Amino acid sequence: MLRTYYVYLLTTANHTTFYIGVTNDLARRVAEHKAGLHQGFTKKYNVHKLVYFETFADVNAAIAREKQLKAGSRAKKLGLINTFNPAWEELAA
């Protein structure tokens, strides 16, 4: 059975803070973030709004992409979000 892996980007309600993660079940993981089930960054800073994701068939490729996105600038992250969701600019204003 082939698995799908997701690299995802979450933000706060006022779009000030980002979180990037990897999972094999995007819906479950986002629900966990929203419910605050795990202690850590997303619970502390209320980061739970999904604004971007990518899919991968290989977990190592997903992890490499996560690291690449984390190392990127805020401007690059915003560019990805704007490409994925053009309404983002209106929401973030």
N, C-alpha and C. Protein backbone atom coordinates (compact mmCIF):
# COMPACT_ATOMS: atom_id res chain seq x y z
N MET A 1 0.83 -1.18 0.00
CA MET A 1 0.00 0.00 0.00
C MET A 1 0.88 1.25 0.00
N LEU A 2 0.58 2.17 -0.90
CA LEU A 2 1.33 3.41 -0.98
C LEU A 2 0.78 4.43 0.00
N ARG A 3 1.65 5.10 0.65
CA ARG A 3 1.26 6.16 1.58
C ARG A 3 1.47 7.51 0.92
N THR A 4 0.70 8.46 1.35
CA THR A 4 0.89 9.84 0.94
C THR A 4 1.33 10.63 2.15
N TYR A 5 2.33 11.48 1.94
CA TYR A 5 2.85 12.32 3.01
C TYR A 5 2.59 13.77 2.64
N TYR A 6 2.36 14.59 3.65
CA TYR A 6 2.03 15.98 3.43
C TYR A 6 3.00 16.88 4.18
N VAL A 7 3.45 17.91 3.52
CA VAL A 7 4.14 19.02 4.17
C VAL A 7 3.10 20.13 4.22
N TYR A 8 2.88 20.68 5.38
CA TYR A 8 1.81 21.65 5.53
C TYR A 8 2.28 22.89 6.27
N LEU A 9 1.58 23.98 6.02
CA LEU A 9 1.90 25.26 6.64
C LEU A 9 0.65 25.79 7.32
N LEU A 10 0.77 26.05 8.60
CA LEU A 10 -0.32 26.62 9.39
C LEU A 10 0.05 28.04 9.79
N THR A 11 -0.98 28.83 10.10
CA THR A 11 -0.74 30.18 10.59
C THR A 11 -1.76 30.50 11.68
N THR A 12 -1.57 31.65 12.29
CA THR A 12 -2.50 32.13 13.31
C THR A 12 -3.67 32.85 12.64
N ALA A 13 -4.68 33.17 13.41
CA ALA A 13 -5.85 33.87 12.88
C ALA A 13 -5.48 35.23 12.28
N ASN A 14 -4.48 35.89 12.86
CA ASN A 14 -4.07 37.20 12.34
C ASN A 14 -2.84 37.11 11.42
N HIS A 15 -2.47 35.89 11.03
CA HIS A 15 -1.42 35.62 10.03
C HIS A 15 -0.03 36.14 10.40
N THR A 16 0.29 36.11 11.68
CA THR A 16 1.59 36.62 12.11
C THR A 16 2.64 35.54 12.30
N THR A 17 2.24 34.33 12.59
CA THR A 17 3.17 33.25 12.91
C THR A 17 2.89 32.05 12.03
N PHE A 18 3.95 31.38 11.58
CA PHE A 18 3.83 30.19 10.74
C PHE A 18 4.35 28.96 11.47
N TYR A 19 3.79 27.81 11.09
CA TYR A 19 4.28 26.51 11.55
C TYR A 19 4.31 25.59 10.34
N ILE A 20 5.40 24.86 10.16
CA ILE A 20 5.53 23.91 9.06
C ILE A 20 5.76 22.53 9.64
N GLY A 21 5.02 21.54 9.13
CA GLY A 21 5.15 20.18 9.63
C GLY A 21 4.97 19.15 8.53
N VAL A 22 5.16 17.87 8.89
CA VAL A 22 5.00 16.73 7.98
C VAL A 22 4.07 15.73 8.66
N THR A 23 3.18 15.12 7.88
CA THR A 23 2.28 14.10 8.40
C THR A 23 1.87 13.15 7.28
N ASN A 24 1.30 12.02 7.67
CA ASN A 24 0.75 11.10 6.67
C ASN A 24 -0.78 11.15 6.68
N ASP A 25 -1.36 12.00 7.53
CA ASP A 25 -2.81 12.17 7.59
C ASP A 25 -3.10 13.65 7.88
N LEU A 26 -3.26 14.42 6.83
CA LEU A 26 -3.38 15.86 6.97
C LEU A 26 -4.63 16.27 7.76
N ALA A 27 -5.76 15.67 7.45
CA ALA A 27 -7.00 16.04 8.15
C ALA A 27 -6.90 15.78 9.64
N ARG A 28 -6.37 14.61 10.01
CA ARG A 28 -6.22 14.27 11.43
C ARG A 28 -5.26 15.24 12.12
N ARG A 29 -4.14 15.51 11.47
CA ARG A 29 -3.12 16.35 12.10
C ARG A 29 -3.59 17.78 12.30
N VAL A 30 -4.28 18.34 11.30
CA VAL A 30 -4.80 19.69 11.45
C VAL A 30 -5.85 19.73 12.56
N ALA A 31 -6.69 18.70 12.64
CA ALA A 31 -7.69 18.62 13.71
C ALA A 31 -7.00 18.57 15.08
N GLU A 32 -5.88 17.84 15.17
CA GLU A 32 -5.13 17.78 16.43
C GLU A 32 -4.60 19.16 16.81
N HIS A 33 -4.06 19.88 15.82
CA HIS A 33 -3.56 21.24 16.09
C HIS A 33 -4.71 22.13 16.57
N LYS A 34 -5.85 22.08 15.89
CA LYS A 34 -6.99 22.93 16.25
C LYS A 34 -7.50 22.60 17.64
N ALA A 35 -7.48 21.34 18.01
CA ALA A 35 -7.97 20.93 19.33
C ALA A 35 -6.93 21.16 20.43
N GLY A 36 -5.70 21.49 20.05
CA GLY A 36 -4.65 21.70 21.05
C GLY A 36 -4.28 20.44 21.80
N LEU A 37 -4.30 19.30 21.11
CA LEU A 37 -4.05 18.02 21.77
C LEU A 37 -2.61 17.81 22.21
N HIS A 38 -1.68 18.51 21.58
CA HIS A 38 -0.26 18.30 21.90
C HIS A 38 0.34 19.60 22.44
N GLN A 39 1.10 19.46 23.51
CA GLN A 39 1.82 20.60 24.04
C GLN A 39 2.88 21.02 23.03
N GLY A 40 3.10 22.30 22.88
CA GLY A 40 4.16 22.75 21.99
C GLY A 40 3.82 24.07 21.32
N PHE A 41 4.55 24.34 20.27
CA PHE A 41 4.50 25.63 19.58
C PHE A 41 3.10 25.99 19.11
N THR A 42 2.42 25.08 18.41
CA THR A 42 1.12 25.42 17.83
C THR A 42 0.07 25.67 18.90
N LYS A 43 0.14 24.96 20.00
CA LYS A 43 -0.80 25.20 21.09
C LYS A 43 -0.48 26.52 21.79
N LYS A 44 0.79 26.75 22.06
CA LYS A 44 1.22 27.96 22.76
C LYS A 44 0.85 29.22 22.00
N TYR A 45 1.04 29.19 20.66
CA TYR A 45 0.82 30.39 19.85
C TYR A 45 -0.49 30.35 19.05
N ASN A 46 -1.33 29.36 19.30
CA ASN A 46 -2.63 29.23 18.64
C ASN A 46 -2.49 29.23 17.11
N VAL A 47 -1.59 28.40 16.63
CA VAL A 47 -1.32 28.29 15.19
C VAL A 47 -2.07 27.06 14.68
N HIS A 48 -3.20 27.27 13.98
CA HIS A 48 -3.97 26.11 13.54
C HIS A 48 -4.75 26.32 12.25
N LYS A 49 -4.49 27.38 11.51
CA LYS A 49 -5.20 27.65 10.27
C LYS A 49 -4.36 27.14 9.09
N LEU A 50 -4.86 26.11 8.40
CA LEU A 50 -4.14 25.53 7.27
C LEU A 50 -4.21 26.49 6.08
N VAL A 51 -3.03 26.88 5.55
CA VAL A 51 -2.98 27.81 4.42
C VAL A 51 -2.23 27.26 3.22
N TYR A 52 -1.51 26.13 3.40
CA TYR A 52 -0.73 25.58 2.29
C TYR A 52 -0.35 24.15 2.60
N PHE A 53 -0.31 23.29 1.56
CA PHE A 53 0.23 21.95 1.73
C PHE A 53 0.72 21.41 0.40
N GLU A 54 1.62 20.45 0.47
CA GLU A 54 2.14 19.73 -0.69
C GLU A 54 2.07 18.24 -0.37
N THR A 55 1.94 17.40 -1.41
CA THR A 55 1.88 15.96 -1.21
C THR A 55 3.13 15.29 -1.76
N PHE A 56 3.50 14.17 -1.13
CA PHE A 56 4.68 13.40 -1.51
C PHE A 56 4.39 11.92 -1.34
N ALA A 57 5.01 11.12 -2.20
CA ALA A 57 4.90 9.67 -2.08
C ALA A 57 6.02 9.10 -1.22
N ASP A 58 7.07 9.88 -1.01
CA ASP A 58 8.25 9.43 -0.27
C ASP A 58 8.44 10.28 0.98
N VAL A 59 8.51 9.66 2.13
CA VAL A 59 8.65 10.39 3.39
C VAL A 59 9.94 11.20 3.43
N ASN A 60 11.01 10.67 2.87
CA ASN A 60 12.28 11.39 2.89
C ASN A 60 12.21 12.67 2.06
N ALA A 61 11.50 12.62 0.95
CA ALA A 61 11.30 13.82 0.12
C ALA A 61 10.46 14.84 0.88
N ALA A 62 9.46 14.38 1.60
CA ALA A 62 8.62 15.28 2.38
C ALA A 62 9.43 15.97 3.49
N ILE A 63 10.26 15.20 4.16
CA ILE A 63 11.09 15.76 5.23
C ILE A 63 12.09 16.77 4.67
N ALA A 64 12.67 16.45 3.53
CA ALA A 64 13.62 17.38 2.89
C ALA A 64 12.92 18.68 2.51
N ARG A 65 11.70 18.59 2.01
CA ARG A 65 10.94 19.78 1.63
C ARG A 65 10.56 20.59 2.87
N GLU A 66 10.20 19.91 3.94
CA GLU A 66 9.90 20.61 5.19
C GLU A 66 11.10 21.43 5.64
N LYS A 67 12.27 20.84 5.61
CA LYS A 67 13.49 21.55 6.01
C LYS A 67 13.76 22.73 5.10
N GLN A 68 13.54 22.54 3.79
CA GLN A 68 13.74 23.61 2.83
C GLN A 68 12.80 24.78 3.11
N LEU A 69 11.52 24.47 3.36
CA LEU A 69 10.56 25.53 3.65
C LEU A 69 10.88 26.24 4.96
N LYS A 70 11.28 25.49 5.97
CA LYS A 70 11.61 26.11 7.25
C LYS A 70 12.80 27.05 7.13
N ALA A 71 13.72 26.73 6.25
CA ALA A 71 14.91 27.56 6.06
C ALA A 71 14.63 28.79 5.20
N GLY A 72 13.51 28.78 4.50
CA GLY A 72 13.18 29.89 3.61
C GLY A 72 12.70 31.12 4.36
N SER A 73 12.72 32.22 3.66
CA SER A 73 12.30 33.49 4.26
C SER A 73 10.78 33.56 4.39
N ARG A 74 10.34 34.50 5.17
CA ARG A 74 8.90 34.75 5.30
C ARG A 74 8.31 35.12 3.95
N ALA A 75 9.04 35.92 3.17
CA ALA A 75 8.57 36.33 1.84
C ALA A 75 8.35 35.12 0.93
N LYS A 76 9.23 34.14 0.99
CA LYS A 76 9.07 32.94 0.17
C LYS A 76 7.84 32.15 0.62
N LYS A 77 7.63 32.06 1.92
CA LYS A 77 6.45 31.36 2.43
C LYS A 77 5.18 32.06 1.98
N LEU A 78 5.17 33.39 2.06
CA LEU A 78 4.01 34.14 1.61
C LEU A 78 3.76 33.96 0.12
N GLY A 79 4.84 33.87 -0.66
CA GLY A 79 4.72 33.63 -2.09
C GLY A 79 4.06 32.29 -2.38
N LEU A 80 4.46 31.26 -1.66
CA LEU A 80 3.83 29.94 -1.83
C LEU A 80 2.35 30.00 -1.49
N ILE A 81 2.03 30.63 -0.39
CA ILE A 81 0.64 30.73 0.03
C ILE A 81 -0.17 31.49 -1.02
N ASN A 82 0.37 32.58 -1.52
CA ASN A 82 -0.34 33.38 -2.52
C ASN A 82 -0.59 32.59 -3.80
N THR A 83 0.34 31.72 -4.18
CA THR A 83 0.17 30.88 -5.36
C THR A 83 -0.92 29.84 -5.12
N PHE A 84 -0.91 29.24 -3.96
CA PHE A 84 -1.85 28.20 -3.58
C PHE A 84 -3.24 28.77 -3.33
N ASN A 85 -3.29 29.94 -2.73
CA ASN A 85 -4.55 30.53 -2.32
C ASN A 85 -4.51 32.05 -2.60
N PRO A 86 -4.90 32.47 -3.82
CA PRO A 86 -4.82 33.89 -4.18
C PRO A 86 -5.61 34.82 -3.25
N ALA A 87 -6.64 34.34 -2.60
CA ALA A 87 -7.43 35.17 -1.69
C ALA A 87 -6.65 35.49 -0.41
N TRP A 88 -5.53 34.79 -0.20
CA TRP A 88 -4.72 35.01 1.00
C TRP A 88 -4.35 36.47 1.18
N GLU A 89 -3.96 37.16 0.10
CA GLU A 89 -3.53 38.54 0.21
C GLU A 89 -4.63 39.41 0.82
N GLU A 90 -5.86 39.15 0.44
CA GLU A 90 -6.98 39.90 0.99
C GLU A 90 -7.18 39.55 2.46
N LEU A 91 -7.01 38.28 2.80
CA LEU A 91 -7.19 37.84 4.19
C LEU A 91 -6.10 38.39 5.10
N ALA A 92 -4.88 38.46 4.58
CA ALA A 92 -3.74 38.86 5.38
C ALA A 92 -3.66 40.38 5.54
N ALA A 93 -4.37 41.12 4.72
CA ALA A 93 -4.29 42.60 4.78
C ALA A 93 -4.98 43.16 5.99
